[in-house]
Amino acid sequence: MEGPGLPMSDSEEFRPFSRRLPEFKFWAASSRAVLIAFSMTFFEMFNIPVFWPILLLYFIALFFLTMKRQILHMYKHKYVPWSSGKARYKGKAPAKDDK
């Protein structure tokens, strides 16, 4: 059996959800990354010129590589994240009288 399951006896505790990354560790790592990035802006040695089209392509590639799994999951369950609006259906056509 993989992952957490239902308790088999009364002495076991039911734990329906276990996080891969605890919230405190996430916020600590995020805060540390922001502080390091902010402090690097004060030093001239980290001021590296970047050609903006290459930076844009890098961002797009990273975005699609990280979102691929989520987008495939949405397609699997027939959820399209972008649409052209609400679907509109027509009612029955009026009956034609043969007079």
Protein backbone atom coordinates (compact mmCIF):
# COMPACT_ATOMS: atom_id res chain seq x y z
CA MET A 1 0.00 0.00 0.00
CA GLU A 2 1.37 3.41 -0.95
CA GLY A 3 0.99 6.59 1.06
CA PRO A 4 -1.24 7.21 4.05
CA GLY A 5 -4.31 5.04 4.38
CA LEU A 6 -7.20 4.43 6.71
CA PRO A 7 -6.36 3.26 10.24
CA MET A 8 -6.46 -0.51 10.68
CA SER A 9 -7.02 -0.44 14.44
CA ASP A 10 -8.34 1.95 17.10
CA SER A 11 -4.83 2.75 18.31
CA GLU A 12 -3.77 4.27 14.96
CA GLU A 13 -4.46 7.90 14.13
CA PHE A 14 -6.04 8.82 10.79
CA ARG A 15 -3.90 11.37 8.97
CA PRO A 16 -5.55 12.21 5.65
CA PHE A 17 -2.97 14.69 4.37
CA SER A 18 0.79 14.80 4.78
CA ARG A 19 2.71 17.69 3.27
CA ARG A 20 5.82 17.17 1.20
CA LEU A 21 7.23 20.49 2.40
CA PRO A 22 6.10 21.97 5.73
CA GLU A 23 4.83 25.53 5.52
CA PHE A 24 7.47 26.96 7.88
CA LYS A 25 10.32 25.51 5.79
CA PHE A 26 8.74 26.98 2.66
CA TRP A 27 8.47 30.47 4.15
CA ALA A 28 11.96 30.27 5.67
CA ALA A 29 13.52 29.26 2.34
CA SER A 30 11.52 31.92 0.45
CA SER A 31 12.50 34.65 2.90
CA ARG A 32 16.14 33.61 2.77
CA ALA A 33 16.13 33.69 -1.05
CA VAL A 34 14.57 37.18 -1.11
CA LEU A 35 17.06 38.52 1.44
CA ILE A 36 20.04 37.07 -0.43
CA ALA A 37 18.78 38.45 -3.77
CA PHE A 38 18.15 41.87 -2.21
CA SER A 39 21.60 42.00 -0.60
CA MET A 40 23.25 41.02 -3.90
CA THR A 41 21.88 44.20 -5.49
CA PHE A 42 24.27 46.28 -3.36
CA PHE A 43 27.43 44.75 -4.85
CA GLU A 44 28.72 45.77 -8.27
CA MET A 45 30.21 42.34 -9.00
CA PHE A 46 26.69 40.88 -9.33
CA ASN A 47 25.60 43.55 -11.83
CA ILE A 48 25.79 41.37 -14.94
CA PRO A 49 24.41 42.76 -18.22
CA VAL A 50 21.68 40.56 -19.67
CA PHE A 51 20.25 40.65 -23.19
CA TRP A 52 16.49 40.88 -22.54
CA PRO A 53 15.26 38.54 -25.35
CA ILE A 54 17.37 35.71 -23.94
CA LEU A 55 15.99 36.41 -20.48
CA LEU A 56 12.43 36.34 -21.85
CA LEU A 57 13.00 33.01 -23.61
CA TYR A 58 14.51 31.60 -20.41
CA PHE A 59 11.45 32.69 -18.41
CA ILE A 60 9.04 31.16 -20.95
CA ALA A 61 10.96 27.87 -21.00
CA LEU A 62 11.00 27.67 -17.20
CA PHE A 63 7.30 28.49 -17.01
CA PHE A 64 6.26 25.78 -19.46
CA LEU A 65 8.59 23.19 -17.96
CA THR A 66 7.12 23.76 -14.51
CA MET A 67 3.49 24.02 -15.66
CA LYS A 68 3.56 21.00 -17.97
CA ARG A 69 2.42 18.56 -15.27
CA GLN A 70 -0.44 20.79 -14.09
CA ILE A 71 -1.67 21.47 -17.64
CA LEU A 72 -1.59 17.75 -18.54
CA HIS A 73 -3.53 17.00 -15.36
CA MET A 74 -6.18 19.57 -16.33
CA TYR A 75 -6.53 18.10 -19.82
CA LYS A 76 -6.80 14.59 -18.36
CA HIS A 77 -9.85 15.67 -16.36
CA LYS A 78 -11.31 17.63 -19.30
CA TYR A 79 -10.69 21.04 -17.78
CA VAL A 80 -9.50 23.66 -20.25
CA PRO A 81 -8.06 26.63 -18.33
CA TRP A 82 -8.64 29.06 -21.17
CA SER A 83 -11.94 29.45 -22.96
CA SER A 84 -13.77 31.95 -25.11
CA GLY A 85 -16.58 32.43 -22.62
CA LYS A 86 -19.66 30.61 -21.47
CA ALA A 87 -21.17 28.10 -23.89
CA ARG A 88 -24.55 29.16 -25.24
CA TYR A 89 -27.15 26.67 -26.32
CA LYS A 90 -30.11 27.29 -28.61
CA GLY A 91 -33.55 26.07 -27.64
CA LYS A 92 -35.74 23.86 -29.77
CA ALA A 93 -36.62 25.19 -33.20
CA PRO A 94 -40.24 26.39 -33.45
CA ALA A 95 -42.59 23.83 -34.97
CA LYS A 96 -43.63 24.53 -38.54
CA ASP A 97 -47.36 24.55 -39.24
CA ASP A 98 -48.45 22.92 -42.51
CA LYS A 99 -51.30 25.27 -43.48
